Amino acid sequence: AKRILKLLEQARAKDPDFARFGAYSHKYKLSPPASEETIREFEQQQGIRLPEEYRDFLMLVGNGGAGPYYGLYGVETLKKELCDSRGSRLYPVREEPVIYPKMSDEDWDRAADPQGRREGKEVHPYAGVLPIGSQGCTLMTGLVLTGDYRGQVVYYDEDYCGQPFFVREKGFLKWYERWLREVIAGYSDEEMGFGLYLDGNPGQLMELYEQTEDPEEKTEIIESCYKFVSLPGKQKTFFKKACAQETDVQVRMKLIKLLAHFHVPGMTKELEKLWEWGAYAEAVSIINYEGTWEVKE
């Protein structure tokens, strides 16, 4: 708890103007911790047992407030989220979860049941998931309450517009501490949103790239680099060399766009090739980031 609170102080100092997405709503402040009696009463009312890390956080660190996106709910907000004014349950938190990481399209369609919803049936693909914070609009942060993924943070859309995303961290505290570390490091969450990309600094991501031959893994590493405000020279040199040697067209296009984003010289010569491949978005990114009149013409 002391370590988390110290990191929170550093995060607040790093972002004094609350420029990070959602920061103005929580201002890096936590509510006073909840009592064990308050937590126990809430659990009894809902018929659930909170995952231990999250439970301890509410009792030892803070009862809601500072957190990714628009922050974390406290116990009173959780009560309002779970039941309407008449006491009717809005979330079937007692049921077993039906979602899991990297679901197939077919399994997600079965869980979300779009046909059933069109016919007016009640559909609960997020059964067994506790909503612990809002990301804006219908996007939510949740916590799995039971089953194989108990205690894991999941992002989901209340309008069922896409599959849920299970964050990579196994447990609430690792996810929360990663958020604090990335705020302190000055990483950006504008390109993808916090937690949707890989953890790690530029050197660590470069090492991951060196160790894989899988195009999907390479793409994930490349896209994770957009959280950096700038890319160090060593990594610029590495990714430029990797781009020249890359045989997978899709990965190479991603690398070209990344290098242009970080203003690595020499990308304009790739324009004709990109146009030939039909990679218009990547070509336009070079035109945008290179910025000279010659390139624009």
Protein backbone atom coordinates (compact mmCIF):
# COMPACT_ATOMS: atom_id res chain seq x y z
CA ALA A 1 0.00 0.00 0.00
CA LYS A 2 2.81 2.41 0.86
CA ARG A 3 4.55 1.70 -2.44
CA ILE A 4 1.37 2.31 -4.43
CA LEU A 5 0.65 5.57 -2.61
CA LYS A 6 4.22 6.73 -3.22
CA LEU A 7 3.90 5.94 -6.95
CA LEU A 8 0.59 7.81 -7.00
CA GLU A 9 2.31 10.92 -5.61
CA GLN A 10 4.93 10.67 -8.36
CA ALA A 11 2.23 10.25 -11.02
CA ARG A 12 0.40 13.34 -9.74
CA ALA A 13 3.65 15.33 -9.89
CA LYS A 14 4.32 14.12 -13.44
CA ASP A 15 0.89 15.25 -14.70
CA PRO A 16 0.10 18.44 -12.72
CA ASP A 17 -2.28 19.75 -15.41
CA PHE A 18 -4.22 16.44 -15.59
CA ALA A 19 -3.49 16.20 -19.31
CA ARG A 20 -3.63 12.40 -19.42
CA PHE A 21 -6.93 10.96 -20.60
CA GLY A 22 -9.50 10.93 -17.79
CA ALA A 23 -7.12 12.42 -15.21
CA TYR A 24 -9.18 15.56 -14.72
CA SER A 25 -12.02 13.46 -13.30
CA HIS A 26 -9.99 11.77 -10.54
CA LYS A 27 -7.01 14.16 -10.25
CA TYR A 28 -4.82 11.34 -8.92
CA LYS A 29 -6.69 11.29 -5.62
CA LEU A 30 -8.08 8.26 -3.82
CA SER A 31 -10.97 8.23 -1.36
CA PRO A 32 -10.16 7.08 2.19
CA PRO A 33 -9.98 3.28 2.48
CA ALA A 34 -13.20 1.39 3.16
CA SER A 35 -13.64 -0.55 6.40
CA GLU A 36 -13.68 -4.34 6.34
CA GLU A 37 -17.26 -4.15 7.63
CA THR A 38 -18.28 -2.03 4.62
CA ILE A 39 -16.65 -4.49 2.22
CA ARG A 40 -18.19 -7.52 3.96
CA GLU A 41 -21.65 -5.94 3.92
CA PHE A 42 -21.34 -5.19 0.19
CA GLU A 43 -20.23 -8.75 -0.54
CA GLN A 44 -23.13 -10.19 1.44
CA GLN A 45 -25.63 -7.94 -0.34
CA GLN A 46 -24.35 -9.00 -3.74
CA GLY A 47 -23.65 -12.62 -2.87
CA ILE A 48 -20.06 -12.43 -4.08
CA ARG A 49 -16.50 -12.49 -2.78
CA LEU A 50 -14.26 -9.78 -4.23
CA PRO A 51 -10.89 -10.91 -5.63
CA GLU A 52 -8.32 -10.55 -2.85
CA GLU A 53 -6.06 -7.96 -4.49
CA TYR A 54 -8.97 -5.66 -5.30
CA ARG A 55 -10.50 -6.23 -1.86
CA ASP A 56 -7.23 -5.30 -0.15
CA PHE A 57 -6.86 -2.25 -2.39
CA LEU A 58 -10.25 -0.91 -1.29
CA MET A 59 -9.42 -1.48 2.39
CA LEU A 60 -5.73 -0.55 2.51
CA VAL A 61 -5.11 1.91 -0.34
CA GLY A 62 -8.30 3.73 -1.34
CA ASN A 63 -12.03 3.23 -1.79
CA GLY A 64 -12.13 4.35 -5.41
CA GLY A 65 -10.71 7.37 -7.21
CA ALA A 66 -7.43 7.56 -9.10
CA GLY A 67 -7.02 4.95 -11.78
CA PRO A 68 -6.81 4.32 -15.54
CA TYR A 69 -9.25 6.21 -17.78
CA TYR A 70 -11.88 7.93 -15.58
CA GLY A 71 -10.72 6.23 -12.40
CA LEU A 72 -12.01 3.46 -10.14
CA TYR A 73 -15.40 3.06 -8.51
CA GLY A 74 -15.74 2.99 -4.73
CA VAL A 75 -18.15 0.71 -2.91
CA GLU A 76 -21.07 3.16 -3.00
CA THR A 77 -20.72 3.64 -6.75
CA LEU A 78 -20.49 -0.12 -7.22
CA LYS A 79 -23.83 -0.51 -5.43
CA LYS A 80 -25.42 2.00 -7.83
CA GLU A 81 -23.88 0.30 -10.85
CA LEU A 82 -25.11 -3.14 -9.87
CA CYS A 83 -28.72 -2.29 -8.96
CA ASP A 84 -31.28 0.26 -10.12
CA SER A 85 -33.29 2.53 -7.81
CA ARG A 86 -35.82 -0.26 -7.15
CA GLY A 87 -33.09 -2.71 -6.15
CA SER A 88 -33.31 -4.78 -9.33
CA ARG A 89 -30.02 -6.28 -10.44
CA LEU A 90 -28.45 -4.76 -13.55
CA TYR A 91 -25.44 -7.10 -13.65
CA PRO A 92 -25.64 -10.88 -13.00
CA VAL A 93 -22.40 -10.83 -10.98
CA ARG A 94 -23.20 -14.10 -9.18
CA GLU A 95 -23.23 -16.14 -12.38
CA GLU A 96 -20.25 -17.91 -13.94
CA PRO A 97 -18.39 -15.89 -16.61
CA VAL A 98 -18.89 -16.88 -20.25
CA ILE A 99 -16.15 -14.70 -21.72
CA TYR A 100 -12.45 -15.54 -21.93
CA PRO A 101 -9.30 -14.17 -23.64
CA LYS A 102 -9.12 -14.24 -27.45
CA MET A 103 -12.56 -15.72 -28.03
CA SER A 104 -13.39 -16.94 -31.51
CA ASP A 105 -15.91 -14.85 -33.44
CA GLU A 106 -18.37 -17.72 -33.23
CA ASP A 107 -18.10 -18.02 -29.43
CA TRP A 108 -18.44 -14.27 -29.00
CA ASP A 109 -21.57 -14.22 -31.21
CA ARG A 110 -23.06 -16.98 -29.08
CA ALA A 111 -22.34 -15.04 -25.87
CA ALA A 112 -23.52 -11.66 -27.21
CA ASP A 113 -26.47 -13.24 -29.09
CA PRO A 114 -27.26 -10.34 -31.46
CA GLN A 115 -30.30 -12.18 -32.84
CA GLY A 116 -31.68 -12.70 -29.35
CA ARG A 117 -31.24 -9.02 -28.53
CA ARG A 118 -33.09 -8.06 -31.70
CA GLU A 119 -35.95 -10.24 -30.51
CA GLY A 120 -36.01 -8.50 -27.13
CA LYS A 121 -34.36 -11.26 -25.10
CA GLU A 122 -32.16 -10.42 -22.08
CA VAL A 123 -28.56 -11.21 -22.90
CA HIS A 124 -25.75 -11.11 -20.33
CA PRO A 125 -22.37 -11.83 -21.96
CA TYR A 126 -20.63 -10.10 -19.03
CA ALA A 127 -22.03 -12.35 -16.32
CA GLY A 128 -19.60 -12.78 -13.44
CA VAL A 129 -17.84 -9.49 -14.25
CA LEU A 130 -17.82 -6.60 -11.76
CA PRO A 131 -17.75 -3.11 -13.38
CA ILE A 132 -15.00 -1.20 -11.56
CA GLY A 133 -14.61 1.91 -13.76
CA SER A 134 -15.70 3.77 -16.87
CA GLN A 135 -13.57 4.43 -19.95
CA GLY A 136 -16.14 6.78 -21.46
CA CYS A 137 -19.35 6.22 -23.43
CA THR A 138 -20.21 2.51 -23.21
CA LEU A 139 -16.64 1.28 -22.66
CA MET A 140 -16.00 -0.19 -19.23
CA THR A 141 -13.29 -1.67 -17.04
CA GLY A 142 -14.34 -4.83 -15.21
CA LEU A 143 -12.98 -7.48 -12.89
CA VAL A 144 -13.69 -11.19 -13.32
CA LEU A 145 -15.13 -12.60 -10.09
CA THR A 146 -14.98 -16.38 -10.55
CA GLY A 147 -13.54 -19.13 -12.70
CA ASP A 148 -10.13 -19.54 -14.32
CA TYR A 149 -9.66 -15.78 -14.80
CA ARG A 150 -10.82 -14.64 -11.34
CA GLY A 151 -9.15 -11.36 -10.39
CA GLN A 152 -8.18 -10.43 -13.95
CA VAL A 153 -9.05 -7.02 -15.40
CA VAL A 154 -11.11 -7.01 -18.60
CA TYR A 155 -12.20 -4.16 -20.90
CA TYR A 156 -15.65 -4.47 -22.46
CA ASP A 157 -18.33 -2.57 -24.36
CA GLU A 158 -21.83 -2.42 -22.88
CA ASP A 159 -23.19 -2.09 -26.43
CA TYR A 160 -21.45 -5.36 -27.38
CA CYS A 161 -19.76 -3.69 -30.37
CA GLY A 162 -16.69 -5.88 -30.08
CA GLN A 163 -15.10 -8.69 -28.12
CA PRO A 164 -13.88 -8.05 -24.56
CA PHE A 165 -10.16 -7.52 -24.07
CA PHE A 166 -8.39 -9.25 -21.18
CA VAL A 167 -5.36 -7.27 -20.06
CA ARG A 168 -2.09 -9.19 -19.91
CA GLU A 169 -1.40 -8.58 -16.23
CA LYS A 170 -2.50 -11.49 -14.02
CA GLY A 171 -4.13 -9.60 -11.20
CA PHE A 172 -5.50 -6.19 -10.33
CA LEU A 173 -2.39 -4.78 -8.62
CA LYS A 174 0.05 -5.45 -11.46
CA TRP A 175 -2.38 -3.71 -13.84
CA TYR A 176 -2.80 -0.73 -11.50
CA GLU A 177 0.93 -0.38 -10.82
CA ARG A 178 1.68 -0.56 -14.53
CA TRP A 179 -0.66 2.41 -15.05
CA LEU A 180 1.24 4.39 -12.41
CA ARG A 181 4.61 3.45 -13.93
CA GLU A 182 3.51 4.55 -17.40
CA VAL A 183 2.16 7.88 -16.13
CA ILE A 184 5.46 8.51 -14.33
CA ALA A 185 7.44 7.52 -17.44
CA GLY A 186 5.41 10.00 -19.51
CA TYR A 187 4.04 7.40 -21.92
CA SER A 188 1.06 8.40 -24.04
CA ASP A 189 -2.29 6.60 -24.03
CA GLU A 190 -3.79 8.62 -26.89
CA GLU A 191 -2.94 6.25 -29.74
CA MET A 192 -4.41 3.04 -28.29
CA GLY A 193 -5.60 3.56 -24.73
CA PHE A 194 -3.88 2.31 -21.58
CA GLY A 195 -3.37 -1.42 -21.26
CA LEU A 196 -4.16 -2.35 -24.85
CA TYR A 197 -0.49 -2.53 -25.79
CA LEU A 198 2.51 -4.44 -24.44
CA ASP A 199 4.29 -3.42 -21.26
CA GLY A 200 7.96 -2.47 -21.50
CA ASN A 201 10.35 0.39 -22.33
CA PRO A 202 11.91 0.94 -25.80
CA GLY A 203 14.84 -1.37 -25.07
CA GLN A 204 12.63 -4.18 -23.79
CA LEU A 205 10.31 -4.00 -26.81
CA MET A 206 13.31 -4.04 -29.14
CA GLU A 207 14.56 -7.21 -27.43
CA LEU A 208 11.13 -8.83 -27.79
CA TYR A 209 11.17 -8.01 -31.50
CA GLU A 210 14.62 -9.58 -31.90
CA GLN A 211 13.39 -12.80 -30.31
CA THR A 212 10.34 -13.44 -32.50
CA GLU A 213 9.66 -14.41 -36.09
CA ASP A 214 5.88 -14.35 -35.71
CA PRO A 215 4.25 -11.55 -37.81
CA GLU A 216 1.41 -11.07 -35.31
CA GLU A 217 3.83 -10.67 -32.42
CA LYS A 218 5.95 -8.27 -34.44
CA THR A 219 2.89 -6.18 -35.26
CA GLU A 220 1.87 -6.06 -31.60
CA ILE A 221 5.36 -4.89 -30.61
CA ILE A 222 5.40 -2.23 -33.33
CA GLU A 223 2.01 -0.85 -32.30
CA SER A 224 3.08 -0.83 -28.65
CA CYS A 225 5.85 1.65 -29.52
CA TYR A 226 3.28 4.40 -30.13
CA LYS A 227 2.97 4.88 -26.37
CA PHE A 228 6.43 6.50 -26.39
CA VAL A 229 6.59 10.25 -26.89
CA SER A 230 9.93 9.77 -28.63
CA LEU A 231 11.94 6.78 -29.76
CA PRO A 232 15.64 6.61 -28.73
CA GLY A 233 18.28 6.58 -31.46
CA LYS A 234 19.28 2.97 -30.81
CA GLN A 235 15.74 1.77 -31.38
CA LYS A 236 15.32 3.98 -34.47
CA THR A 237 18.43 2.40 -36.00
CA PHE A 238 17.29 -1.10 -35.06
CA PHE A 239 13.78 -0.79 -36.48
CA LYS A 240 15.05 0.89 -39.66
CA LYS A 241 17.39 -2.05 -40.25
CA ALA A 242 14.58 -4.49 -39.41
CA CYS A 243 12.36 -2.72 -41.93
CA ALA A 244 14.92 -3.11 -44.71
CA GLN A 245 15.24 -6.83 -43.99
CA GLU A 246 11.54 -7.59 -43.39
CA THR A 247 9.97 -9.93 -45.95
CA ASP A 248 6.40 -9.84 -44.62
CA VAL A 249 4.64 -6.99 -46.47
CA GLN A 250 2.16 -6.24 -43.68
CA VAL A 251 4.86 -6.03 -40.99
CA ARG A 252 7.03 -3.89 -43.23
CA MET A 253 4.17 -1.46 -43.80
CA LYS A 254 3.69 -1.18 -40.02
CA LEU A 255 7.42 -0.51 -39.57
CA ILE A 256 7.46 2.18 -42.26
CA LYS A 257 4.53 3.95 -40.62
CA LEU A 258 6.20 3.72 -37.17
CA LEU A 259 9.49 5.10 -38.48
CA ALA A 260 7.71 7.97 -40.20
CA HIS A 261 5.80 8.71 -37.00
CA PHE A 262 9.09 9.14 -35.15
CA HIS A 263 10.62 11.21 -37.98
CA VAL A 264 13.29 8.69 -38.96
CA PRO A 265 15.00 10.01 -42.14
CA GLY A 266 14.78 8.09 -45.39
CA MET A 267 11.15 7.05 -45.31
CA THR A 268 10.10 9.15 -48.31
CA LYS A 269 11.77 6.64 -50.63
CA GLU A 270 9.18 4.10 -49.45
CA LEU A 271 6.26 6.15 -50.79
CA GLU A 272 6.19 4.63 -54.28
CA LYS A 273 6.45 1.13 -52.84
CA LEU A 274 3.59 1.73 -50.42
CA TRP A 275 1.41 3.16 -53.17
CA GLU A 276 2.19 0.11 -55.28
CA TRP A 277 1.09 -2.18 -52.40
CA GLY A 278 -2.12 -0.21 -51.86
CA ALA A 279 -0.94 0.83 -48.40
CA TYR A 280 -2.46 4.30 -48.67
CA ALA A 281 -2.84 4.95 -44.93
CA GLU A 282 0.85 4.21 -44.37
CA ALA A 283 1.81 6.39 -47.34
CA VAL A 284 -0.27 9.30 -46.06
CA SER A 285 1.36 8.92 -42.63
CA ILE A 286 4.75 9.50 -44.24
CA ILE A 287 3.46 12.54 -46.08
CA ASN A 288 2.05 13.83 -42.80
CA TYR A 289 5.05 13.16 -40.55
CA GLU A 290 7.83 14.01 -43.00
CA GLY A 291 6.10 17.32 -43.51
CA THR A 292 8.22 18.97 -46.22
CA TRP A 293 6.61 20.66 -49.21
CA GLU A 294 8.59 18.45 -51.54
CA VAL A 295 7.12 15.33 -49.99
CA LYS A 296 3.60 16.74 -49.94
CA GLU A 297 3.81 17.64 -53.63
